[in-house]
């Protein structure tokens, strides 16, 4: 599985987190933006808490056990 604080960026990472219901924390730069479960992911966007986050603009961090 993934370590707490590990960056996720690959399609496989997003699929694993979505299927296993592992939360992700979302940052823009160094600022926290959101935390929650992945509802959808695609080539350009990841949906968390009904908000679409651009994969190129935001950083996604694994938060197992949150």
PDB file of N, CA and C in Angstrom:
ATOM      1  N   UNK A   1       0.840  -1.185   0.000  1.00  0.00           N
ATOM      2  CA  UNK A   1       0.000   0.000   0.000  1.00  0.00           C
ATOM      3  C   UNK A   1       0.880   1.242   0.000  1.00  0.00           C
ATOM      4  N   UNK A   2       0.313   2.352   0.283  1.00  0.00           N
ATOM      5  CA  UNK A   2       1.001   3.632   0.221  1.00  0.00           C
ATOM      6  C   UNK A   2       1.346   4.128   1.618  1.00  0.00           C
ATOM      7  N   UNK A   3       2.443   4.862   1.704  1.00  0.00           N
ATOM      8  CA  UNK A   3       2.884   5.442   2.977  1.00  0.00           C
ATOM      9  C   UNK A   3       2.141   6.762   3.205  1.00  0.00           C
ATOM     10  N   UNK A   4       1.887   7.076   4.459  1.00  0.00           N
ATOM     11  CA  UNK A   4       1.281   8.349   4.795  1.00  0.00           C
ATOM     12  C   UNK A   4       2.222   9.466   4.341  1.00  0.00           C
ATOM     13  N   UNK A   5       1.723  10.381   3.528  1.00  0.00           N
ATOM     14  CA  UNK A   5       2.521  11.496   3.038  1.00  0.00           C
ATOM     15  C   UNK A   5       3.133  11.262   1.670  1.00  0.00           C
ATOM     16  N   UNK A   6       2.921  10.081   1.100  1.00  0.00           N
ATOM     17  CA  UNK A   6       3.483   9.774  -0.219  1.00  0.00           C
ATOM     18  C   UNK A   6       2.721  10.518  -1.304  1.00  0.00           C
ATOM     19  N   UNK A   7       3.456  11.138  -2.224  1.00  0.00           N
ATOM     20  CA  UNK A   7       2.821  11.812  -3.354  1.00  0.00           C
ATOM     21  C   UNK A   7       2.234  10.768  -4.294  1.00  0.00           C
ATOM     22  N   UNK A   8       1.043  11.055  -4.807  1.00  0.00           N
ATOM     23  CA  UNK A   8       0.446  10.186  -5.816  1.00  0.00           C
ATOM     24  C   UNK A   8       0.248  11.016  -7.083  1.00  0.00           C
ATOM     25  N   UNK A   9       0.533  10.405  -8.221  1.00  0.00           N
ATOM     26  CA  UNK A   9       0.502  11.160  -9.475  1.00  0.00           C
ATOM     27  C   UNK A   9       0.159  10.295 -10.675  1.00  0.00           C
ATOM     28  N   UNK A  10       0.310   9.004 -10.584  1.00  0.00           N
ATOM     29  CA  UNK A  10       0.086   8.099 -11.691  1.00  0.00           C
ATOM     30  C   UNK A  10      -1.377   7.637 -11.699  1.00  0.00           C
ATOM     31  N   UNK A  11      -1.903   7.299 -12.877  1.00  0.00           N
ATOM     32  CA  UNK A  11      -3.283   6.792 -12.955  1.00  0.00           C
ATOM     33  C   UNK A  11      -3.496   5.620 -12.006  1.00  0.00           C
ATOM     34  N   UNK A  12      -2.504   4.737 -11.924  1.00  0.00           N
ATOM     35  CA  UNK A  12      -2.611   3.559 -11.038  1.00  0.00           C
ATOM     36  C   UNK A  12      -2.757   3.986  -9.589  1.00  0.00           C
ATOM     37  N   UNK A  13      -2.032   5.036  -9.177  1.00  0.00           N
ATOM     38  CA  UNK A  13      -2.127   5.550  -7.804  1.00  0.00           C
ATOM     39  C   UNK A  13      -3.551   6.028  -7.517  1.00  0.00           C
ATOM     40  N   UNK A  14      -4.113   6.803  -8.441  1.00  0.00           N
ATOM     41  CA  UNK A  14      -5.464   7.327  -8.241  1.00  0.00           C
ATOM     42  C   UNK A  14      -6.492   6.195  -8.217  1.00  0.00           C
ATOM     43  N   UNK A  15      -6.334   5.217  -9.100  1.00  0.00           N
ATOM     44  CA  UNK A  15      -7.253   4.077  -9.123  1.00  0.00           C
ATOM     45  C   UNK A  15      -7.167   3.299  -7.815  1.00  0.00           C
ATOM     46  N   UNK A  16      -5.972   3.026  -7.332  1.00  0.00           N
ATOM     47  CA  UNK A  16      -5.802   2.315  -6.056  1.00  0.00           C
ATOM     48  C   UNK A  16      -6.495   3.050  -4.921  1.00  0.00           C
ATOM     49  N   UNK A  17      -6.301   4.348  -4.847  1.00  0.00           N
ATOM     50  CA  UNK A  17      -6.905   5.133  -3.767  1.00  0.00           C
ATOM     51  C   UNK A  17      -8.429   5.176  -3.890  1.00  0.00           C
ATOM     52  N   UNK A  18      -8.930   5.271  -5.105  1.00  0.00           N
ATOM     53  CA  UNK A  18     -10.376   5.305  -5.307  1.00  0.00           C
ATOM     54  C   UNK A  18     -11.003   3.952  -4.934  1.00  0.00           C
ATOM     55  N   UNK A  19     -10.442   2.859  -5.424  1.00  0.00           N
ATOM     56  CA  UNK A  19     -11.005   1.530  -5.175  1.00  0.00           C
ATOM     57  C   UNK A  19     -10.880   1.110  -3.713  1.00  0.00           C
ATOM     58  N   UNK A  20      -9.770   1.486  -3.081  1.00  0.00           N
ATOM     59  CA  UNK A  20      -9.524   1.094  -1.689  1.00  0.00           C
ATOM     60  C   UNK A  20     -10.073   2.099  -0.687  1.00  0.00           C
ATOM     61  N   UNK A  21     -10.632   3.188  -1.201  1.00  0.00           N
ATOM     62  CA  UNK A  21     -11.184   4.254  -0.359  1.00  0.00           C
ATOM     63  C   UNK A  21     -10.154   4.776   0.645  1.00  0.00           C
ATOM     64  N   UNK A  22      -8.970   5.089   0.126  1.00  0.00           N
ATOM     65  CA  UNK A  22      -7.911   5.704   0.915  1.00  0.00           C
ATOM     66  C   UNK A  22      -7.980   7.209   0.666  1.00  0.00           C
ATOM     67  N   UNK A  23      -8.062   8.020   1.708  1.00  0.00           N
ATOM     68  CA  UNK A  23      -8.170   9.462   1.505  1.00  0.00           C
ATOM     69  C   UNK A  23      -6.886  10.069   0.937  1.00  0.00           C
ATOM     70  N   UNK A  24      -7.058  11.195   0.267  1.00  0.00           N
ATOM     71  CA  UNK A  24      -5.941  11.963  -0.255  1.00  0.00           C
ATOM     72  C   UNK A  24      -6.061  13.391   0.256  1.00  0.00           C
ATOM     73  N   UNK A  25      -4.926  14.000   0.476  1.00  0.00           N
ATOM     74  CA  UNK A  25      -4.877  15.406   0.846  1.00  0.00           C
ATOM     75  C   UNK A  25      -4.394  16.164  -0.375  1.00  0.00           C
ATOM     76  N   UNK A  26      -4.980  17.314  -0.611  1.00  0.00           N
ATOM     77  CA  UNK A  26      -4.707  18.083  -1.824  1.00  0.00           C
ATOM     78  C   UNK A  26      -4.078  19.411  -1.437  1.00  0.00           C
ATOM     79  N   UNK A  27      -2.991  19.732  -2.132  1.00  0.00           N
ATOM     80  CA  UNK A  27      -2.273  20.983  -1.903  1.00  0.00           C
ATOM     81  C   UNK A  27      -2.179  21.768  -3.195  1.00  0.00           C
ATOM     82  N   UNK A  28      -2.163  23.078  -3.059  1.00  0.00           N
ATOM     83  CA  UNK A  28      -1.796  23.955  -4.154  1.00  0.00           C
ATOM     84  C   UNK A  28      -0.563  24.698  -3.652  1.00  0.00           C
ATOM     85  N   UNK A  29       0.556  24.402  -4.250  1.00  0.00           N
ATOM     86  CA  UNK A  29       1.826  24.868  -3.707  1.00  0.00           C
ATOM     87  C   UNK A  29       2.057  24.190  -2.371  1.00  0.00           C
ATOM     88  N   UNK A  30       2.299  24.973  -1.338  1.00  0.00           N
ATOM     89  CA  UNK A  30       2.489  24.421   0.017  1.00  0.00           C
ATOM     90  C   UNK A  30       1.244  24.581   0.875  1.00  0.00           C
ATOM     91  N   UNK A  31       0.190  25.109   0.281  1.00  0.00           N
ATOM     92  CA  UNK A  31      -1.038  25.390   1.027  1.00  0.00           C
ATOM     93  C   UNK A  31      -2.046  24.253   0.884  1.00  0.00           C
ATOM     94  N   UNK A  32      -2.557  23.777   2.018  1.00  0.00           N
ATOM     95  CA  UNK A  32      -3.592  22.743   2.030  1.00  0.00           C
ATOM     96  C   UNK A  32      -4.857  23.282   1.373  1.00  0.00           C
ATOM     97  N   UNK A  33      -5.463  22.453   0.512  1.00  0.00           N
ATOM     98  CA  UNK A  33      -6.684  22.865  -0.167  1.00  0.00           C
ATOM     99  C   UNK A  33      -7.888  22.021   0.243  1.00  0.00           C
ATOM    100  N   UNK A  34      -7.694  20.700   0.385  1.00  0.00           N
ATOM    101  CA  UNK A  34      -8.823  19.806   0.656  1.00  0.00           C
ATOM    102  C   UNK A  34      -8.291  18.454   1.086  1.00  0.00           C
ATOM    103  N   UNK A  35      -9.168  17.635   1.656  1.00  0.00           N
ATOM    104  CA  UNK A  35      -8.863  16.243   1.962  1.00  0.00           C
ATOM    105  C   UNK A  35     -10.147  15.448   1.797  1.00  0.00           C
ATOM    106  N   UNK A  36     -10.036  14.241   1.259  1.00  0.00           N
ATOM    107  CA  UNK A  36     -11.216  13.417   1.070  1.00  0.00           C
ATOM    108  C   UNK A  36     -10.909  12.212   0.203  1.00  0.00           C
ATOM    109  N   UNK A  37     -11.967  11.603  -0.287  1.00  0.00           N
ATOM    110  CA  UNK A  37     -11.860  10.393  -1.093  1.00  0.00           C
ATOM    111  C   UNK A  37     -12.030  10.731  -2.573  1.00  0.00           C
ATOM    112  N   UNK A  38     -11.290  10.038  -3.405  1.00  0.00           N
ATOM    113  CA  UNK A  38     -11.381  10.249  -4.847  1.00  0.00           C
ATOM    114  C   UNK A  38     -12.692   9.658  -5.347  1.00  0.00           C
ATOM    115  N   UNK A  39     -13.481  10.480  -6.014  1.00  0.00           N
ATOM    116  CA  UNK A  39     -14.755  10.057  -6.579  1.00  0.00           C
ATOM    117  C   UNK A  39     -14.619   9.736  -8.060  1.00  0.00           C
ATOM    118  N   UNK A  40     -13.666  10.395  -8.707  1.00  0.00           N
ATOM    119  CA  UNK A  40     -13.423  10.224 -10.148  1.00  0.00           C
ATOM    120  C   UNK A  40     -12.018  10.720 -10.442  1.00  0.00           C
ATOM    121  N   UNK A  41     -11.384  10.111 -11.413  1.00  0.00           N
ATOM    122  CA  UNK A  41     -10.128  10.664 -11.909  1.00  0.00           C
ATOM    123  C   UNK A  41     -10.082  10.463 -13.409  1.00  0.00           C
ATOM    124  N   UNK A  42      -9.425  11.352 -14.077  1.00  0.00           N
ATOM    125  CA  UNK A  42      -9.249  11.276 -15.520  1.00  0.00           C
ATOM    126  C   UNK A  42      -7.868  11.781 -15.880  1.00  0.00           C
ATOM    127  N   UNK A  43      -7.652  11.950 -17.147  1.00  0.00           N
ATOM    128  CA  UNK A  43      -6.345  12.373 -17.643  1.00  0.00           C
ATOM    129  C   UNK A  43      -5.933  13.738 -17.076  1.00  0.00           C
ATOM    130  N   UNK A  44      -6.904  14.623 -16.886  1.00  0.00           N
ATOM    131  CA  UNK A  44      -6.581  15.986 -16.467  1.00  0.00           C
ATOM    132  C   UNK A  44      -7.080  16.367 -15.081  1.00  0.00           C
ATOM    133  N   UNK A  45      -8.122  15.694 -14.577  1.00  0.00           N
ATOM    134  CA  UNK A  45      -8.747  16.105 -13.327  1.00  0.00           C
ATOM    135  C   UNK A  45      -8.949  14.941 -12.373  1.00  0.00           C
ATOM    136  N   UNK A  46      -9.013  15.292 -11.073  1.00  0.00           N
ATOM    137  CA  UNK A  46      -9.371  14.354 -10.009  1.00  0.00           C
ATOM    138  C   UNK A  46     -10.513  15.005  -9.246  1.00  0.00           C
ATOM    139  N   UNK A  47     -11.583  14.243  -9.021  1.00  0.00           N
ATOM    140  CA  UNK A  47     -12.731  14.770  -8.288  1.00  0.00           C
ATOM    141  C   UNK A  47     -12.683  14.279  -6.844  1.00  0.00           C
ATOM    142  N   UNK A  48     -12.711  15.235  -5.912  1.00  0.00           N
ATOM    143  CA  UNK A  48     -12.760  14.964  -4.478  1.00  0.00           C
ATOM    144  C   UNK A  48     -13.772  15.928  -3.883  1.00  0.00           C
ATOM    145  N   UNK A  49     -14.706  15.398  -3.100  1.00  0.00           N
ATOM    146  CA  UNK A  49     -15.745  16.228  -2.464  1.00  0.00           C
ATOM    147  C   UNK A  49     -16.510  17.078  -3.486  1.00  0.00           C
ATOM    148  N   UNK A  50     -16.827  16.479  -4.614  1.00  0.00           N
ATOM    149  CA  UNK A  50     -17.579  17.128  -5.693  1.00  0.00           C
ATOM    150  C   UNK A  50     -16.863  18.326  -6.314  1.00  0.00           C
ATOM    151  N   UNK A  51     -15.558  18.404  -6.146  1.00  0.00           N
ATOM    152  CA  UNK A  51     -14.746  19.465  -6.742  1.00  0.00           C
ATOM    153  C   UNK A  51     -13.720  18.813  -7.656  1.00  0.00           C
ATOM    154  N   UNK A  52     -13.548  19.373  -8.858  1.00  0.00           N
ATOM    155  CA  UNK A  52     -12.567  18.857  -9.805  1.00  0.00           C
ATOM    156  C   UNK A  52     -11.254  19.620  -9.638  1.00  0.00           C
ATOM    157  N   UNK A  53     -10.174  18.877  -9.385  1.00  0.00           N
ATOM    158  CA  UNK A  53      -8.844  19.445  -9.208  1.00  0.00           C
ATOM    159  C   UNK A  53      -7.980  19.070 -10.401  1.00  0.00           C
ATOM    160  N   UNK A  54      -7.337  20.072 -10.987  1.00  0.00           N
ATOM    161  CA  UNK A  54      -6.458  19.855 -12.128  1.00  0.00           C
ATOM    162  C   UNK A  54      -5.194  19.138 -11.656  1.00  0.00           C
ATOM    163  N   UNK A  55      -4.862  18.024 -12.302  1.00  0.00           N
ATOM    164  CA  UNK A  55      -3.717  17.226 -11.893  1.00  0.00           C
ATOM    165  C   UNK A  55      -2.393  17.958 -12.078  1.00  0.00           C
ATOM    166  N   UNK A  56      -2.336  18.917 -12.981  1.00  0.00           N
ATOM    167  CA  UNK A  56      -1.098  19.663 -13.205  1.00  0.00           C
ATOM    168  C   UNK A  56      -0.938  20.818 -12.216  1.00  0.00           C
ATOM    169  N   UNK A  57      -2.030  21.292 -11.664  1.00  0.00           N
ATOM    170  CA  UNK A  57      -2.002  22.462 -10.786  1.00  0.00           C
ATOM    171  C   UNK A  57      -1.901  22.082  -9.310  1.00  0.00           C
ATOM    172  N   UNK A  58      -2.435  20.919  -8.920  1.00  0.00           N
ATOM    173  CA  UNK A  58      -2.509  20.514  -7.524  1.00  0.00           C
ATOM    174  C   UNK A  58      -1.604  19.316  -7.255  1.00  0.00           C
ATOM    175  N   UNK A  59      -1.209  19.161  -5.999  1.00  0.00           N
ATOM    176  CA  UNK A  59      -0.421  18.025  -5.548  1.00  0.00           C
ATOM    177  C   UNK A  59      -1.318  17.140  -4.693  1.00  0.00           C
ATOM    178  N   UNK A  60      -1.224  15.833  -4.897  1.00  0.00           N
ATOM    179  CA  UNK A  60      -2.074  14.868  -4.193  1.00  0.00           C
ATOM    180  C   UNK A  60      -1.186  13.990  -3.321  1.00  0.00           C
ATOM    181  N   UNK A  61      -1.579  13.887  -2.034  1.00  0.00           N
ATOM    182  CA  UNK A  61      -0.788  13.176  -1.037  1.00  0.00           C
ATOM    183  C   UNK A  61      -1.657  12.075  -0.432  1.00  0.00           C
ATOM    184  N   UNK A  62      -1.100  10.881  -0.313  1.00  0.00           N
ATOM    185  CA  UNK A  62      -1.801   9.752   0.293  1.00  0.00           C
ATOM    186  C   UNK A  62      -1.919   9.957   1.795  1.00  0.00           C
ATOM    187  N   UNK A  63      -3.114   9.712   2.336  1.00  0.00           N
ATOM    188  CA  UNK A  63      -3.360   9.845   3.760  1.00  0.00           C
ATOM    189  C   UNK A  63      -4.088   8.609   4.304  1.00  0.00           C
ATOM    190  N   UNK A  64      -3.479   7.417   4.208  1.00  0.00           N
ATOM    191  CA  UNK A  64      -4.124   6.226   4.775  1.00  0.00           C
ATOM    192  C   UNK A  64      -4.301   6.385   6.285  1.00  0.00           C
ATOM    193  N   UNK A  65      -5.404   5.915   6.797  1.00  0.00           N
ATOM    194  CA  UNK A  65      -5.664   5.983   8.220  1.00  0.00           C
ATOM    195  C   UNK A  65      -6.251   7.305   8.695  1.00  0.00           C
ATOM    196  N   UNK A  66      -6.469   8.252   7.783  1.00  0.00           N
ATOM    197  CA  UNK A  66      -7.027   9.543   8.192  1.00  0.00           C
ATOM    198  C   UNK A  66      -8.477   9.375   8.552  1.00  0.00           C
TER     199      UNK A  66
END
